[in-house]
Protein backbone atom coordinates (compact mmCIF):
# COMPACT_ATOMS: atom_id res chain seq x y z
CA UNK A 1 0.00 0.00 0.00
CA UNK A 2 1.18 3.48 -0.89
CA UNK A 3 0.24 6.95 0.43
CA UNK A 4 -0.77 5.73 3.91
CA UNK A 5 -2.94 2.93 2.57
CA UNK A 6 -5.13 5.09 0.35
CA UNK A 7 -3.64 3.84 -2.95
CA UNK A 8 -2.58 0.31 -3.83
CA UNK A 9 0.38 -0.49 -6.08
CA UNK A 10 -1.67 -1.11 -9.25
CA UNK A 11 -3.44 2.26 -8.98
CA UNK A 12 -0.16 4.03 -8.25
CA UNK A 13 1.58 2.30 -11.18
CA UNK A 14 -1.31 3.11 -13.54
CA UNK A 15 -1.28 6.74 -12.46
CA UNK A 16 2.50 6.93 -12.83
CA UNK A 17 2.41 5.44 -16.35
CA UNK A 18 -0.40 7.83 -17.30
CA UNK A 19 1.59 10.83 -16.13
CA UNK A 20 4.66 9.62 -18.01
CA UNK A 21 2.57 9.23 -21.16
CA UNK A 22 1.24 12.76 -20.81
CA UNK A 23 4.77 14.10 -20.26
CA UNK A 24 6.06 12.20 -23.30
CA UNK A 25 3.21 13.50 -25.50
CA UNK A 26 3.81 17.07 -24.27
CA UNK A 27 7.52 16.74 -24.91
CA UNK A 28 6.91 15.30 -28.39
CA UNK A 29 4.47 18.09 -29.27
CA UNK A 30 6.92 20.73 -28.02
CA UNK A 31 9.64 19.20 -30.19
CA UNK A 32 7.37 19.30 -33.26
CA UNK A 33 6.41 22.93 -32.51
CA UNK A 34 10.07 23.89 -32.08
CA UNK A 35 11.01 22.27 -35.41
CA UNK A 36 8.13 24.07 -37.14
CA UNK A 37 9.15 27.43 -35.69
CA UNK A 38 12.78 26.80 -36.63
CA UNK A 39 11.72 26.06 -40.22
CA UNK A 40 9.59 29.20 -40.40
CA UNK A 41 12.42 31.34 -39.03
CA UNK A 42 14.86 29.82 -41.51
CA UNK A 43 12.46 30.44 -44.41
CA UNK A 44 11.88 34.02 -43.31
CA UNK A 45 15.61 34.64 -42.97
CA UNK A 46 16.30 33.18 -46.42
CA UNK A 47 13.46 35.23 -47.87
CA UNK A 48 14.97 38.41 -46.51
CA UNK A 49 18.62 37.77 -47.35
CA UNK A 50 18.29 35.29 -50.18
CA UNK A 51 18.37 35.90 -53.89
CA UNK A 52 15.38 34.99 -55.98
CA UNK A 53 16.61 32.99 -58.94
CA UNK A 54 13.48 33.83 -60.92
CA UNK A 55 14.04 37.55 -60.38
CA UNK A 56 17.71 37.27 -61.28
CA UNK A 57 16.88 35.35 -64.47
CA UNK A 58 14.29 37.93 -65.53
CA UNK A 59 16.84 40.72 -64.93
CA UNK A 60 19.43 38.80 -66.94
CA UNK A 61 17.02 38.44 -69.87
CA UNK A 62 16.07 42.11 -69.63
CA UNK A 63 19.73 43.21 -69.76
CA UNK A 64 20.44 40.79 -72.61
CA UNK A 65 17.62 42.34 -74.66
CA UNK A 66 18.94 45.83 -73.87
CA UNK A 67 22.42 44.81 -74.99
CA UNK A 68 21.04 43.32 -78.22
CA UNK A 69 19.08 46.53 -78.93
CA UNK A 70 22.17 48.67 -78.29
CA UNK A 71 24.22 46.47 -80.63
CA UNK A 72 21.60 46.89 -83.36
CA UNK A 73 21.69 50.67 -82.97
CA UNK A 74 25.48 50.70 -83.21
CA UNK A 75 25.31 48.52 -86.32
CA UNK A 76 22.72 50.81 -87.92
CA UNK A 77 24.81 53.93 -87.15
CA UNK A 78 27.92 52.20 -88.51
CA UNK A 79 26.08 51.37 -91.75
CA UNK A 80 24.84 54.98 -92.05
CA UNK A 81 28.36 56.34 -91.57
CA UNK A 82 29.71 53.83 -94.07
CA UNK A 83 27.08 54.95 -96.62
CA UNK A 84 27.87 58.64 -96.08
CA UNK A 85 31.62 58.07 -96.40
CA UNK A 86 31.20 55.91 -99.52
CA UNK A 87 29.02 58.45 -101.31
CA UNK A 88 31.16 61.44 -100.36
CA UNK A 89 34.21 59.74 -101.80
CA UNK A 90 32.59 59.45 -105.27
CA UNK A 91 31.43 63.08 -105.52
CA UNK A 92 34.87 64.59 -105.15
CA UNK A 93 36.45 62.77 -108.13
C-alpha atoms as a PDB file:
ATOM      1  CA  UNK A   1       0.000   0.000   0.000  1.00  0.00           C
ATOM      2  CA  UNK A   2       1.184   3.479  -0.890  1.00  0.00           C
ATOM      3  CA  UNK A   3       0.239   6.953   0.434  1.00  0.00           C
ATOM      4  CA  UNK A   4      -0.769   5.735   3.911  1.00  0.00           C
ATOM      5  CA  UNK A   5      -2.943   2.929   2.572  1.00  0.00           C
ATOM      6  CA  UNK A   6      -5.130   5.089   0.354  1.00  0.00           C
ATOM      7  CA  UNK A   7      -3.642   3.840  -2.949  1.00  0.00           C
ATOM      8  CA  UNK A   8      -2.581   0.314  -3.830  1.00  0.00           C
ATOM      9  CA  UNK A   9       0.377  -0.486  -6.077  1.00  0.00           C
ATOM     10  CA  UNK A  10      -1.670  -1.105  -9.251  1.00  0.00           C
ATOM     11  CA  UNK A  11      -3.442   2.257  -8.981  1.00  0.00           C
ATOM     12  CA  UNK A  12      -0.160   4.035  -8.253  1.00  0.00           C
ATOM     13  CA  UNK A  13       1.581   2.303 -11.177  1.00  0.00           C
ATOM     14  CA  UNK A  14      -1.306   3.107 -13.542  1.00  0.00           C
ATOM     15  CA  UNK A  15      -1.281   6.738 -12.460  1.00  0.00           C
ATOM     16  CA  UNK A  16       2.499   6.931 -12.832  1.00  0.00           C
ATOM     17  CA  UNK A  17       2.409   5.436 -16.346  1.00  0.00           C
ATOM     18  CA  UNK A  18      -0.395   7.827 -17.300  1.00  0.00           C
ATOM     19  CA  UNK A  19       1.594  10.828 -16.133  1.00  0.00           C
ATOM     20  CA  UNK A  20       4.662   9.620 -18.005  1.00  0.00           C
ATOM     21  CA  UNK A  21       2.568   9.230 -21.159  1.00  0.00           C
ATOM     22  CA  UNK A  22       1.235  12.761 -20.810  1.00  0.00           C
ATOM     23  CA  UNK A  23       4.766  14.102 -20.260  1.00  0.00           C
ATOM     24  CA  UNK A  24       6.055  12.197 -23.300  1.00  0.00           C
ATOM     25  CA  UNK A  25       3.212  13.502 -25.495  1.00  0.00           C
ATOM     26  CA  UNK A  26       3.809  17.066 -24.275  1.00  0.00           C
ATOM     27  CA  UNK A  27       7.523  16.744 -24.913  1.00  0.00           C
ATOM     28  CA  UNK A  28       6.914  15.304 -28.387  1.00  0.00           C
ATOM     29  CA  UNK A  29       4.473  18.095 -29.268  1.00  0.00           C
ATOM     30  CA  UNK A  30       6.920  20.734 -28.017  1.00  0.00           C
ATOM     31  CA  UNK A  31       9.641  19.199 -30.194  1.00  0.00           C
ATOM     32  CA  UNK A  32       7.369  19.304 -33.260  1.00  0.00           C
ATOM     33  CA  UNK A  33       6.414  22.928 -32.511  1.00  0.00           C
ATOM     34  CA  UNK A  34      10.069  23.886 -32.083  1.00  0.00           C
ATOM     35  CA  UNK A  35      11.006  22.271 -35.407  1.00  0.00           C
ATOM     36  CA  UNK A  36       8.126  24.073 -37.137  1.00  0.00           C
ATOM     37  CA  UNK A  37       9.150  27.434 -35.688  1.00  0.00           C
ATOM     38  CA  UNK A  38      12.778  26.796 -36.635  1.00  0.00           C
ATOM     39  CA  UNK A  39      11.716  26.060 -40.217  1.00  0.00           C
ATOM     40  CA  UNK A  40       9.591  29.199 -40.404  1.00  0.00           C
ATOM     41  CA  UNK A  41      12.423  31.341 -39.033  1.00  0.00           C
ATOM     42  CA  UNK A  42      14.865  29.823 -41.512  1.00  0.00           C
ATOM     43  CA  UNK A  43      12.465  30.442 -44.410  1.00  0.00           C
ATOM     44  CA  UNK A  44      11.882  34.019 -43.309  1.00  0.00           C
ATOM     45  CA  UNK A  45      15.609  34.639 -42.969  1.00  0.00           C
ATOM     46  CA  UNK A  46      16.298  33.177 -46.418  1.00  0.00           C
ATOM     47  CA  UNK A  47      13.463  35.227 -47.867  1.00  0.00           C
ATOM     48  CA  UNK A  48      14.974  38.413 -46.507  1.00  0.00           C
ATOM     49  CA  UNK A  49      18.618  37.774 -47.349  1.00  0.00           C
ATOM     50  CA  UNK A  50      18.294  35.288 -50.178  1.00  0.00           C
ATOM     51  CA  UNK A  51      18.369  35.902 -53.890  1.00  0.00           C
ATOM     52  CA  UNK A  52      15.377  34.985 -55.979  1.00  0.00           C
ATOM     53  CA  UNK A  53      16.614  32.990 -58.944  1.00  0.00           C
ATOM     54  CA  UNK A  54      13.477  33.832 -60.923  1.00  0.00           C
ATOM     55  CA  UNK A  55      14.038  37.548 -60.384  1.00  0.00           C
ATOM     56  CA  UNK A  56      17.711  37.273 -61.280  1.00  0.00           C
ATOM     57  CA  UNK A  57      16.877  35.348 -64.468  1.00  0.00           C
ATOM     58  CA  UNK A  58      14.293  37.926 -65.525  1.00  0.00           C
ATOM     59  CA  UNK A  59      16.841  40.723 -64.934  1.00  0.00           C
ATOM     60  CA  UNK A  60      19.429  38.801 -66.943  1.00  0.00           C
ATOM     61  CA  UNK A  61      17.017  38.435 -69.871  1.00  0.00           C
ATOM     62  CA  UNK A  62      16.068  42.113 -69.631  1.00  0.00           C
ATOM     63  CA  UNK A  63      19.725  43.215 -69.764  1.00  0.00           C
ATOM     64  CA  UNK A  64      20.439  40.795 -72.610  1.00  0.00           C
ATOM     65  CA  UNK A  65      17.618  42.343 -74.659  1.00  0.00           C
ATOM     66  CA  UNK A  66      18.938  45.832 -73.868  1.00  0.00           C
ATOM     67  CA  UNK A  67      22.420  44.807 -74.989  1.00  0.00           C
ATOM     68  CA  UNK A  68      21.042  43.325 -78.217  1.00  0.00           C
ATOM     69  CA  UNK A  69      19.084  46.533 -78.930  1.00  0.00           C
ATOM     70  CA  UNK A  70      22.174  48.670 -78.290  1.00  0.00           C
ATOM     71  CA  UNK A  71      24.219  46.467 -80.627  1.00  0.00           C
ATOM     72  CA  UNK A  72      21.601  46.888 -83.364  1.00  0.00           C
ATOM     73  CA  UNK A  73      21.686  50.671 -82.972  1.00  0.00           C
ATOM     74  CA  UNK A  74      25.477  50.702 -83.208  1.00  0.00           C
ATOM     75  CA  UNK A  75      25.310  48.515 -86.319  1.00  0.00           C
ATOM     76  CA  UNK A  76      22.717  50.814 -87.920  1.00  0.00           C
ATOM     77  CA  UNK A  77      24.805  53.930 -87.150  1.00  0.00           C
ATOM     78  CA  UNK A  78      27.922  52.199 -88.506  1.00  0.00           C
ATOM     79  CA  UNK A  79      26.082  51.370 -91.750  1.00  0.00           C
ATOM     80  CA  UNK A  80      24.841  54.977 -92.053  1.00  0.00           C
ATOM     81  CA  UNK A  81      28.360  56.344 -91.569  1.00  0.00           C
ATOM     82  CA  UNK A  82      29.706  53.825 -94.074  1.00  0.00           C
ATOM     83  CA  UNK A  83      27.080  54.946 -96.616  1.00  0.00           C
ATOM     84  CA  UNK A  84      27.868  58.639 -96.083  1.00  0.00           C
ATOM     85  CA  UNK A  85      31.620  58.075 -96.398  1.00  0.00           C
ATOM     86  CA  UNK A  86      31.195  55.915 -99.525  1.00  0.00           C
ATOM     87  CA  UNK A  87      29.019  58.445-101.310  1.00  0.00           C
ATOM     88  CA  UNK A  88      31.156  61.436-100.361  1.00  0.00           C
ATOM     89  CA  UNK A  89      34.211  59.744-101.797  1.00  0.00           C
ATOM     90  CA  UNK A  90      32.586  59.453-105.269  1.00  0.00           C
ATOM     91  CA  UNK A  91      31.431  63.080-105.524  1.00  0.00           C
ATOM     92  CA  UNK A  92      34.875  64.594-105.150  1.00  0.00           C
ATOM     93  CA  UNK A  93      36.446  62.765-108.126  1.00  0.00           C
END
